[in-house]
Amino acid sequence: MTGKVDLNDCFIMRLPLLVTCLGMTASLQLAAPLSLQAQSEGWLLGPNSSTGENSKVVPNNCIEEADGSITCDTKIENPSGDTPARPSYNPFNN
């Protein structure tokens, strides 16, 4: 041994670490947009209905499970004077 470092040996030793890091980064980028789109709500409006942004989806009877997940029933509240519209509420876009 002469104490010299061969750059090819260093690259070969670091290659598995590089591949692992790139794979983890790619998987996180694919998973992130899915978690950001958890809920959506829309309104199917009929003639003379004025329900919209002022209406609210209100959680009821929420239960927290042992694993930390929360499950709730929902209720639509329309402001007084608004004609009821048929809500379209999707808790998860799968």
PDB file of N, CA and C in Angstrom:
ATOM      1  N   MET A   1       0.836  -1.169   0.000  1.00  0.00           N
ATOM      2  CA  MET A   1       0.000   0.000   0.000  1.00  0.00           C
ATOM      3  C   MET A   1       0.883   1.234   0.000  1.00  0.00           C
ATOM      4  N   THR A   2       0.518   2.122  -0.865  1.00  0.00           N
ATOM      5  CA  THR A   2       1.285   3.357  -0.977  1.00  0.00           C
ATOM      6  C   THR A   2       0.576   4.532  -0.322  1.00  0.00           C
ATOM      7  N   GLY A   3      -0.666   4.350   0.120  1.00  0.00           N
ATOM      8  CA  GLY A   3      -1.410   5.435   0.741  1.00  0.00           C
ATOM      9  C   GLY A   3      -2.183   6.277  -0.255  1.00  0.00           C
ATOM     10  N   LYS A   4      -2.154   5.890  -1.536  1.00  0.00           N
ATOM     11  CA  LYS A   4      -2.897   6.641  -2.544  1.00  0.00           C
ATOM     12  C   LYS A   4      -4.349   6.167  -2.567  1.00  0.00           C
ATOM     13  N   VAL A   5      -5.252   7.077  -2.863  1.00  0.00           N
ATOM     14  CA  VAL A   5      -6.675   6.752  -2.958  1.00  0.00           C
ATOM     15  C   VAL A   5      -7.052   6.703  -4.425  1.00  0.00           C
ATOM     16  N   ASP A   6      -7.627   5.582  -4.825  1.00  0.00           N
ATOM     17  CA  ASP A   6      -8.090   5.429  -6.197  1.00  0.00           C
ATOM     18  C   ASP A   6      -9.532   5.946  -6.265  1.00  0.00           C
ATOM     19  N   LEU A   7      -9.790   6.965  -7.076  1.00  0.00           N
ATOM     20  CA  LEU A   7     -11.124   7.560  -7.166  1.00  0.00           C
ATOM     21  C   LEU A   7     -12.168   6.564  -7.659  1.00  0.00           C
ATOM     22  N   ASN A   8     -11.785   5.620  -8.483  1.00  0.00           N
ATOM     23  CA  ASN A   8     -12.729   4.607  -8.957  1.00  0.00           C
ATOM     24  C   ASN A   8     -13.235   3.750  -7.801  1.00  0.00           C
ATOM     25  N   ASP A   9     -12.362   3.407  -6.857  1.00  0.00           N
ATOM     26  CA  ASP A   9     -12.780   2.619  -5.698  1.00  0.00           C
ATOM     27  C   ASP A   9     -13.770   3.404  -4.839  1.00  0.00           C
ATOM     28  N   CYS A  10     -13.546   4.699  -4.658  1.00  0.00           N
ATOM     29  CA  CYS A  10     -14.458   5.520  -3.853  1.00  0.00           C
ATOM     30  C   CYS A  10     -15.835   5.588  -4.491  1.00  0.00           C
ATOM     31  N   PHE A  11     -15.902   5.749  -5.798  1.00  0.00           N
ATOM     32  CA  PHE A  11     -17.184   5.831  -6.484  1.00  0.00           C
ATOM     33  C   PHE A  11     -17.948   4.521  -6.368  1.00  0.00           C
ATOM     34  N   ILE A  12     -17.262   3.408  -6.527  1.00  0.00           N
ATOM     35  CA  ILE A  12     -17.912   2.097  -6.448  1.00  0.00           C
ATOM     36  C   ILE A  12     -18.446   1.853  -5.047  1.00  0.00           C
ATOM     37  N   MET A  13     -17.731   2.303  -4.032  1.00  0.00           N
ATOM     38  CA  MET A  13     -18.195   2.099  -2.665  1.00  0.00           C
ATOM     39  C   MET A  13     -19.400   2.983  -2.339  1.00  0.00           C
ATOM     40  N   ARG A  14     -19.500   4.136  -2.964  1.00  0.00           N
ATOM     41  CA  ARG A  14     -20.602   5.060  -2.674  1.00  0.00           C
ATOM     42  C   ARG A  14     -21.815   4.845  -3.580  1.00  0.00           C
ATOM     43  N   LEU A  15     -21.690   4.059  -4.615  1.00  0.00           N
ATOM     44  CA  LEU A  15     -22.781   3.856  -5.560  1.00  0.00           C
ATOM     45  C   LEU A  15     -24.043   3.293  -4.906  1.00  0.00           C
ATOM     46  N   PRO A  16     -23.970   2.252  -4.060  1.00  0.00           N
ATOM     47  CA  PRO A  16     -25.207   1.764  -3.432  1.00  0.00           C
ATOM     48  C   PRO A  16     -25.897   2.825  -2.569  1.00  0.00           C
ATOM     49  N   LEU A  17     -25.124   3.638  -1.881  1.00  0.00           N
ATOM     50  CA  LEU A  17     -25.709   4.703  -1.073  1.00  0.00           C
ATOM     51  C   LEU A  17     -26.398   5.739  -1.952  1.00  0.00           C
ATOM     52  N   LEU A  18     -25.781   6.088  -3.059  1.00  0.00           N
ATOM     53  CA  LEU A  18     -26.355   7.051  -3.992  1.00  0.00           C
ATOM     54  C   LEU A  18     -27.664   6.530  -4.578  1.00  0.00           C
ATOM     55  N   VAL A  19     -27.684   5.271  -4.984  1.00  0.00           N
ATOM     56  CA  VAL A  19     -28.893   4.668  -5.552  1.00  0.00           C
ATOM     57  C   VAL A  19     -30.011   4.637  -4.512  1.00  0.00           C
ATOM     58  N   THR A  20     -29.684   4.301  -3.280  1.00  0.00           N
ATOM     59  CA  THR A  20     -30.685   4.266  -2.208  1.00  0.00           C
ATOM     60  C   THR A  20     -31.264   5.654  -1.961  1.00  0.00           C
ATOM     61  N   CYS A  21     -30.415   6.663  -1.895  1.00  0.00           N
ATOM     62  CA  CYS A  21     -30.893   8.033  -1.664  1.00  0.00           C
ATOM     63  C   CYS A  21     -31.773   8.521  -2.809  1.00  0.00           C
ATOM     64  N   LEU A  22     -31.383   8.241  -4.034  1.00  0.00           N
ATOM     65  CA  LEU A  22     -32.194   8.655  -5.179  1.00  0.00           C
ATOM     66  C   LEU A  22     -33.544   7.949  -5.187  1.00  0.00           C
ATOM     67  N   GLY A  23     -33.550   6.667  -4.844  1.00  0.00           N
ATOM     68  CA  GLY A  23     -34.805   5.917  -4.792  1.00  0.00           C
ATOM     69  C   GLY A  23     -35.746   6.446  -3.727  1.00  0.00           C
ATOM     70  N   MET A  24     -35.212   6.765  -2.560  1.00  0.00           N
ATOM     71  CA  MET A  24     -36.053   7.303  -1.485  1.00  0.00           C
ATOM     72  C   MET A  24     -36.594   8.680  -1.852  1.00  0.00           C
ATOM     73  N   THR A  25     -35.783   9.501  -2.490  1.00  0.00           N
ATOM     74  CA  THR A  25     -36.234  10.827  -2.904  1.00  0.00           C
ATOM     75  C   THR A  25     -37.355  10.724  -3.927  1.00  0.00           C
ATOM     76  N   ALA A  26     -37.213   9.830  -4.882  1.00  0.00           N
ATOM     77  CA  ALA A  26     -38.251   9.654  -5.901  1.00  0.00           C
ATOM     78  C   ALA A  26     -39.545   9.150  -5.289  1.00  0.00           C
ATOM     79  N   SER A  27     -39.468   8.228  -4.344  1.00  0.00           N
ATOM     80  CA  SER A  27     -40.689   7.700  -3.732  1.00  0.00           C
ATOM     81  C   SER A  27     -41.390   8.762  -2.892  1.00  0.00           C
ATOM     82  N   LEU A  28     -40.649   9.634  -2.230  1.00  0.00           N
ATOM     83  CA  LEU A  28     -41.265  10.714  -1.460  1.00  0.00           C
ATOM     84  C   LEU A  28     -41.969  11.711  -2.373  1.00  0.00           C
ATOM     85  N   GLN A  29     -41.389  11.994  -3.523  1.00  0.00           N
ATOM     86  CA  GLN A  29     -42.007  12.936  -4.452  1.00  0.00           C
ATOM     87  C   GLN A  29     -43.290  12.364  -5.035  1.00  0.00           C
ATOM     88  N   LEU A  30     -43.353  11.062  -5.230  1.00  0.00           N
ATOM     89  CA  LEU A  30     -44.567  10.440  -5.751  1.00  0.00           C
ATOM     90  C   LEU A  30     -45.655  10.381  -4.694  1.00  0.00           C
ATOM     91  N   ALA A  31     -45.288  10.205  -3.446  1.00  0.00           N
ATOM     92  CA  ALA A  31     -46.273  10.065  -2.376  1.00  0.00           C
ATOM     93  C   ALA A  31     -46.803  11.411  -1.894  1.00  0.00           C
ATOM     94  N   ALA A  32     -46.034  12.459  -1.970  1.00  0.00           N
ATOM     95  CA  ALA A  32     -46.442  13.759  -1.423  1.00  0.00           C
ATOM     96  C   ALA A  32     -47.708  14.323  -2.056  1.00  0.00           C
ATOM     97  N   PRO A  33     -47.841  14.345  -3.385  1.00  0.00           N
ATOM     98  CA  PRO A  33     -49.061  14.933  -3.940  1.00  0.00           C
ATOM     99  C   PRO A  33     -50.324  14.195  -3.528  1.00  0.00           C
ATOM    100  N   LEU A  34     -50.258  12.905  -3.288  1.00  0.00           N
ATOM    101  CA  LEU A  34     -51.438  12.149  -2.893  1.00  0.00           C
ATOM    102  C   LEU A  34     -51.928  12.569  -1.517  1.00  0.00           C
ATOM    103  N   SER A  35     -51.014  12.818  -0.601  1.00  0.00           N
ATOM    104  CA  SER A  35     -51.433  13.202   0.740  1.00  0.00           C
ATOM    105  C   SER A  35     -51.956  14.633   0.787  1.00  0.00           C
ATOM    106  N   LEU A  36     -51.584  15.457  -0.168  1.00  0.00           N
ATOM    107  CA  LEU A  36     -52.047  16.834  -0.188  1.00  0.00           C
ATOM    108  C   LEU A  36     -53.450  16.971  -0.763  1.00  0.00           C
ATOM    109  N   GLN A  37     -53.963  15.924  -1.387  1.00  0.00           N
ATOM    110  CA  GLN A  37     -55.283  15.960  -1.999  1.00  0.00           C
ATOM    111  C   GLN A  37     -56.255  15.070  -1.246  1.00  0.00           C
ATOM    112  N   ALA A  38     -56.329  15.223   0.055  1.00  0.00           N
ATOM    113  CA  ALA A  38     -57.125  14.308   0.869  1.00  0.00           C
ATOM    114  C   ALA A  38     -58.618  14.547   0.755  1.00  0.00           C
ATOM    115  N   GLN A  39     -59.068  15.786   0.619  1.00  0.00           N
ATOM    116  CA  GLN A  39     -60.499  16.055   0.629  1.00  0.00           C
ATOM    117  C   GLN A  39     -60.880  17.002  -0.493  1.00  0.00           C
ATOM    118  N   SER A  40     -62.110  16.857  -0.954  1.00  0.00           N
ATOM    119  CA  SER A  40     -62.656  17.806  -1.923  1.00  0.00           C
ATOM    120  C   SER A  40     -64.143  17.945  -1.679  1.00  0.00           C
ATOM    121  N   GLU A  41     -64.676  19.073  -2.074  1.00  0.00           N
ATOM    122  CA  GLU A  41     -66.102  19.290  -1.900  1.00  0.00           C
ATOM    123  C   GLU A  41     -66.608  20.086  -3.087  1.00  0.00           C
ATOM    124  N   GLY A  42     -67.815  19.789  -3.501  1.00  0.00           N
ATOM    125  CA  GLY A  42     -68.423  20.492  -4.622  1.00  0.00           C
ATOM    126  C   GLY A  42     -69.918  20.597  -4.398  1.00  0.00           C
ATOM    127  N   TRP A  43     -70.568  21.382  -5.227  1.00  0.00           N
ATOM    128  CA  TRP A  43     -72.006  21.605  -5.076  1.00  0.00           C
ATOM    129  C   TRP A  43     -72.671  21.443  -6.429  1.00  0.00           C
ATOM    130  N   LEU A  44     -73.714  20.625  -6.480  1.00  0.00           N
ATOM    131  CA  LEU A  44     -74.511  20.465  -7.686  1.00  0.00           C
ATOM    132  C   LEU A  44     -75.688  21.424  -7.565  1.00  0.00           C
ATOM    133  N   LEU A  45     -75.589  22.537  -8.260  1.00  0.00           N
ATOM    134  CA  LEU A  45     -76.583  23.590  -8.121  1.00  0.00           C
ATOM    135  C   LEU A  45     -77.707  23.402  -9.131  1.00  0.00           C
ATOM    136  N   GLY A  46     -78.917  23.623  -8.686  1.00  0.00           N
ATOM    137  CA  GLY A  46     -80.080  23.570  -9.562  1.00  0.00           C
ATOM    138  C   GLY A  46     -80.566  24.975  -9.854  1.00  0.00           C
ATOM    139  N   PRO A  47     -81.686  25.088 -10.560  1.00  0.00           N
ATOM    140  CA  PRO A  47     -82.237  26.412 -10.846  1.00  0.00           C
ATOM    141  C   PRO A  47     -82.591  27.156  -9.554  1.00  0.00           C
ATOM    142  N   ASN A  48     -82.298  28.426  -9.500  1.00  0.00           N
ATOM    143  CA  ASN A  48     -82.608  29.319  -8.377  1.00  0.00           C
ATOM    144  C   ASN A  48     -81.935  28.927  -7.062  1.00  0.00           C
ATOM    145  N   SER A  49     -80.873  28.173  -7.072  1.00  0.00           N
ATOM    146  CA  SER A  49     -80.186  27.856  -5.816  1.00  0.00           C
ATOM    147  C   SER A  49     -78.974  28.763  -5.688  1.00  0.00           C
ATOM    148  N   SER A  50     -78.754  29.234  -4.491  1.00  0.00           N
ATOM    149  CA  SER A  50     -77.645  30.166  -4.262  1.00  0.00           C
ATOM    150  C   SER A  50     -76.652  29.618  -3.246  1.00  0.00           C
ATOM    151  N   THR A  51     -76.663  28.322  -3.035  1.00  0.00           N
ATOM    152  CA  THR A  51     -75.734  27.704  -2.094  1.00  0.00           C
ATOM    153  C   THR A  51     -74.351  27.650  -2.721  1.00  0.00           C
ATOM    154  N   GLY A  52     -73.342  27.862  -1.928  1.00  0.00           N
ATOM    155  CA  GLY A  52     -71.992  27.821  -2.481  1.00  0.00           C
ATOM    156  C   GLY A  52     -70.940  27.963  -1.414  1.00  0.00           C
ATOM    157  N   GLU A  53     -70.079  28.956  -1.567  1.00  0.00           N
ATOM    158  CA  GLU A  53     -68.908  29.099  -0.705  1.00  0.00           C
ATOM    159  C   GLU A  53     -69.257  29.337   0.759  1.00  0.00           C
ATOM    160  N   ASN A  54     -70.413  29.915   1.050  1.00  0.00           N
ATOM    161  CA  ASN A  54     -70.780  30.185   2.442  1.00  0.00           C
ATOM    162  C   ASN A  54     -71.291  28.950   3.168  1.00  0.00           C
ATOM    163  N   SER A  55     -71.635  27.897   2.431  1.00  0.00           N
ATOM    164  CA  SER A  55     -72.059  26.646   3.060  1.00  0.00           C
ATOM    165  C   SER A  55     -70.836  25.946   3.617  1.00  0.00           C
ATOM    166  N   LYS A  56     -71.028  25.197   4.687  1.00  0.00           N
ATOM    167  CA  LYS A  56     -69.897  24.555   5.360  1.00  0.00           C
ATOM    168  C   LYS A  56     -70.157  23.072   5.571  1.00  0.00           C
ATOM    169  N   VAL A  57     -69.094  22.282   5.468  1.00  0.00           N
ATOM    170  CA  VAL A  57     -69.126  20.874   5.852  1.00  0.00           C
ATOM    171  C   VAL A  57     -68.603  20.819   7.280  1.00  0.00           C
ATOM    172  N   VAL A  58     -69.452  20.381   8.203  1.00  0.00           N
ATOM    173  CA  VAL A  58     -69.117  20.395   9.626  1.00  0.00           C
ATOM    174  C   VAL A  58     -68.925  18.961  10.115  1.00  0.00           C
ATOM    175  N   PRO A  59     -67.797  18.646  10.773  1.00  0.00           N
ATOM    176  CA  PRO A  59     -67.597  17.295  11.306  1.00  0.00           C
ATOM    177  C   PRO A  59     -68.458  17.050  12.543  1.00  0.00           C
ATOM    178  N   ASN A  60     -68.994  15.836  12.658  1.00  0.00           N
ATOM    179  CA  ASN A  60     -69.801  15.410  13.813  1.00  0.00           C
ATOM    180  C   ASN A  60     -69.316  14.050  14.278  1.00  0.00           C
ATOM    181  N   ASN A  61     -69.478  13.768  15.558  1.00  0.00           N
ATOM    182  CA  ASN A  61     -69.191  12.440  16.124  1.00  0.00           C
ATOM    183  C   ASN A  61     -67.798  11.945  15.745  1.00  0.00           C
ATOM    184  N   CYS A  62     -66.775  12.741  15.978  1.00  0.00           N
ATOM    185  CA  CYS A  62     -65.405  12.343  15.636  1.00  0.00           C
ATOM    186  C   CYS A  62     -64.882  11.328  16.651  1.00  0.00           C
ATOM    187  N   ILE A  63     -64.205  10.312  16.135  1.00  0.00           N
ATOM    188  CA  ILE A  63     -63.630   9.253  16.967  1.00  0.00           C
ATOM    189  C   ILE A  63     -62.158   9.119  16.605  1.00  0.00           C
ATOM    190  N   GLU A  64     -61.295   9.144  17.629  1.00  0.00           N
ATOM    191  CA  GLU A  64     -59.866   8.941  17.395  1.00  0.00           C
ATOM    192  C   GLU A  64     -59.518   7.499  17.736  1.00  0.00           C
ATOM    193  N   GLU A  65     -58.954   6.803  16.760  1.00  0.00           N
ATOM    194  CA  GLU A  65     -58.566   5.404  16.945  1.00  0.00           C
ATOM    195  C   GLU A  65     -57.220   5.319  17.671  1.00  0.00           C
ATOM    196  N   ALA A  66     -56.859   4.121  18.087  1.00  0.00           N
ATOM    197  CA  ALA A  66     -55.602   3.903  18.812  1.00  0.00           C
ATOM    198  C   ALA A  66     -54.380   4.244  17.961  1.00  0.00           C
ATOM    199  N   ASP A  67     -54.497   4.067  16.624  1.00  0.00           N
ATOM    200  CA  ASP A  67     -53.360   4.357  15.748  1.00  0.00           C
ATOM    201  C   ASP A  67     -53.240   5.842  15.399  1.00  0.00           C
ATOM    202  N   GLY A  68     -54.140   6.681  15.936  1.00  0.00           N
ATOM    203  CA  GLY A  68     -54.067   8.118  15.697  1.00  0.00           C
ATOM    204  C   GLY A  68     -54.963   8.609  14.575  1.00  0.00           C
ATOM    205  N   SER A  69     -55.605   7.699  13.835  1.00  0.00           N
ATOM    206  CA  SER A  69     -56.497   8.128  12.760  1.00  0.00           C
ATOM    207  C   SER A  69     -57.806   8.649  13.345  1.00  0.00           C
ATOM    208  N   ILE A  70     -58.407   9.596  12.657  1.00  0.00           N
ATOM    209  CA  ILE A  70     -59.651  10.214  13.120  1.00  0.00           C
ATOM    210  C   ILE A  70     -60.734   9.969  12.082  1.00  0.00           C
ATOM    211  N   THR A  71     -61.904   9.526  12.540  1.00  0.00           N
ATOM    212  CA  THR A  71     -63.050   9.284  11.674  1.00  0.00           C
ATOM    213  C   THR A  71     -64.199  10.162  12.146  1.00  0.00           C
ATOM    214  N   CYS A  72     -64.842  10.871  11.207  1.00  0.00           N
ATOM    215  CA  CYS A  72     -65.954  11.759  11.558  1.00  0.00           C
ATOM    216  C   CYS A  72     -67.119  11.558  10.600  1.00  0.00           C
ATOM    217  N   ASP A  73     -68.347  11.745  11.118  1.00  0.00           N
ATOM    218  CA  ASP A  73     -69.508  11.920  10.265  1.00  0.00           C
ATOM    219  C   ASP A  73     -69.509  13.385   9.845  1.00  0.00           C
ATOM    220  N   THR A  74     -70.201  13.705   8.753  1.00  0.00           N
ATOM    221  CA  THR A  74     -70.238  15.095   8.310  1.00  0.00           C
ATOM    222  C   THR A  74     -71.671  15.570   8.141  1.00  0.00           C
ATOM    223  N   LYS A  75     -71.837  16.872   8.255  1.00  0.00           N
ATOM    224  CA  LYS A  75     -73.144  17.497   8.110  1.00  0.00           C
ATOM    225  C   LYS A  75     -72.947  18.784   7.312  1.00  0.00           C
ATOM    226  N   ILE A  76     -73.842  19.050   6.356  1.00  0.00           N
ATOM    227  CA  ILE A  76     -73.779  20.266   5.560  1.00  0.00           C
ATOM    228  C   ILE A  76     -74.634  21.338   6.228  1.00  0.00           C
ATOM    229  N   GLU A  77     -74.049  22.512   6.464  1.00  0.00           N
ATOM    230  CA  GLU A  77     -74.798  23.634   7.022  1.00  0.00           C
ATOM    231  C   GLU A  77     -74.858  24.749   5.986  1.00  0.00           C
ATOM    232  N   ASN A  78     -76.079  25.110   5.595  1.00  0.00           N
ATOM    233  CA  ASN A  78     -76.288  26.210   4.654  1.00  0.00           C
ATOM    234  C   ASN A  78     -76.677  27.462   5.428  1.00  0.00           C
ATOM    235  N   PRO A  79     -76.201  28.631   5.007  1.00  0.00           N
ATOM    236  CA  PRO A  79     -76.639  29.872   5.643  1.00  0.00           C
ATOM    237  C   PRO A  79     -78.148  30.061   5.447  1.00  0.00           C
ATOM    238  N   SER A  80     -78.784  30.756   6.367  1.00  0.00           N
ATOM    239  CA  SER A  80     -80.227  30.968   6.235  1.00  0.00           C
ATOM    240  C   SER A  80     -80.519  31.762   4.969  1.00  0.00           C
ATOM    241  N   GLY A  81     -81.591  31.388   4.292  1.00  0.00           N
ATOM    242  CA  GLY A  81     -81.974  32.065   3.062  1.00  0.00           C
ATOM    243  C   GLY A  81     -81.430  31.402   1.812  1.00  0.00           C
ATOM    244  N   ASP A  82     -80.486  30.490   1.928  1.00  0.00           N
ATOM    245  CA  ASP A  82     -79.958  29.788   0.755  1.00  0.00           C
ATOM    246  C   ASP A  82     -80.839  28.593   0.428  1.00  0.00           C
ATOM    247  N   THR A  83     -81.034  28.364  -0.840  1.00  0.00           N
ATOM    248  CA  THR A  83     -81.751  27.182  -1.290  1.00  0.00           C
ATOM    249  C   THR A  83     -80.803  25.997  -1.191  1.00  0.00           C
ATOM    250  N   PRO A  84     -81.210  24.887  -0.575  1.00  0.00           N
ATOM    251  CA  PRO A  84     -80.306  23.751  -0.448  1.00  0.00           C
ATOM    252  C   PRO A  84     -79.856  23.212  -1.806  1.00  0.00           C
ATOM    253  N   ALA A  85     -78.603  22.898  -1.893  1.00  0.00           N
ATOM    254  CA  ALA A  85     -78.043  22.242  -3.074  1.00  0.00           C
ATOM    255  C   ALA A  85     -77.614  20.846  -2.673  1.00  0.00           C
ATOM    256  N   ARG A  86     -77.425  20.003  -3.652  1.00  0.00           N
ATOM    257  CA  ARG A  86     -76.981  18.648  -3.365  1.00  0.00           C
ATOM    258  C   ARG A  86     -75.459  18.664  -3.250  1.00  0.00           C
ATOM    259  N   PRO A  87     -74.920  18.395  -2.060  1.00  0.00           N
ATOM    260  CA  PRO A  87     -73.464  18.444  -1.900  1.00  0.00           C
ATOM    261  C   PRO A  87     -72.801  17.206  -2.478  1.00  0.00           C
ATOM    262  N   SER A  88     -71.603  17.392  -2.942  1.00  0.00           N
ATOM    263  CA  SER A  88     -70.754  16.296  -3.398  1.00  0.00           C
ATOM    264  C   SER A  88     -69.474  16.398  -2.579  1.00  0.00           C
ATOM    265  N   TYR A  89     -69.321  15.528  -1.592  1.00  0.00           N
ATOM    266  CA  TYR A  89     -68.197  15.602  -0.659  1.00  0.00           C
ATOM    267  C   TYR A  89     -67.408  14.311  -0.731  1.00  0.00           C
ATOM    268  N   ASN A  90     -66.119  14.400  -1.059  1.00  0.00           N
ATOM    269  CA  ASN A  90     -65.240  13.235  -1.164  1.00  0.00           C
ATOM    270  C   ASN A  90     -64.141  13.355  -0.126  1.00  0.00           C
ATOM    271  N   PRO A  91     -64.207  12.553   0.965  1.00  0.00           N
ATOM    272  CA  PRO A  91     -63.162  12.656   1.978  1.00  0.00           C
ATOM    273  C   PRO A  91     -61.784  12.265   1.452  1.00  0.00           C
ATOM    274  N   PHE A  92     -61.724  11.316   0.503  1.00  0.00           N
ATOM    275  CA  PHE A  92     -60.441  10.890  -0.056  1.00  0.00           C
ATOM    276  C   PHE A  92     -60.599  10.672  -1.546  1.00  0.00           C
ATOM    277  N   ASN A  93     -59.724  11.253  -2.339  1.00  0.00           N
ATOM    278  CA  ASN A  93     -59.762  11.086  -3.794  1.00  0.00           C
ATOM    279  C   ASN A  93     -58.918   9.889  -4.187  1.00  0.00           C
ATOM    280  N   ASN A  94     -59.519   8.735  -4.242  1.00  0.00           N
ATOM    281  CA  ASN A  94     -58.790   7.525  -4.643  1.00  0.00           C
ATOM    282  C   ASN A  94     -59.174   7.137  -6.036  1.00  0.00           C
TER     283      ASN A  94
END
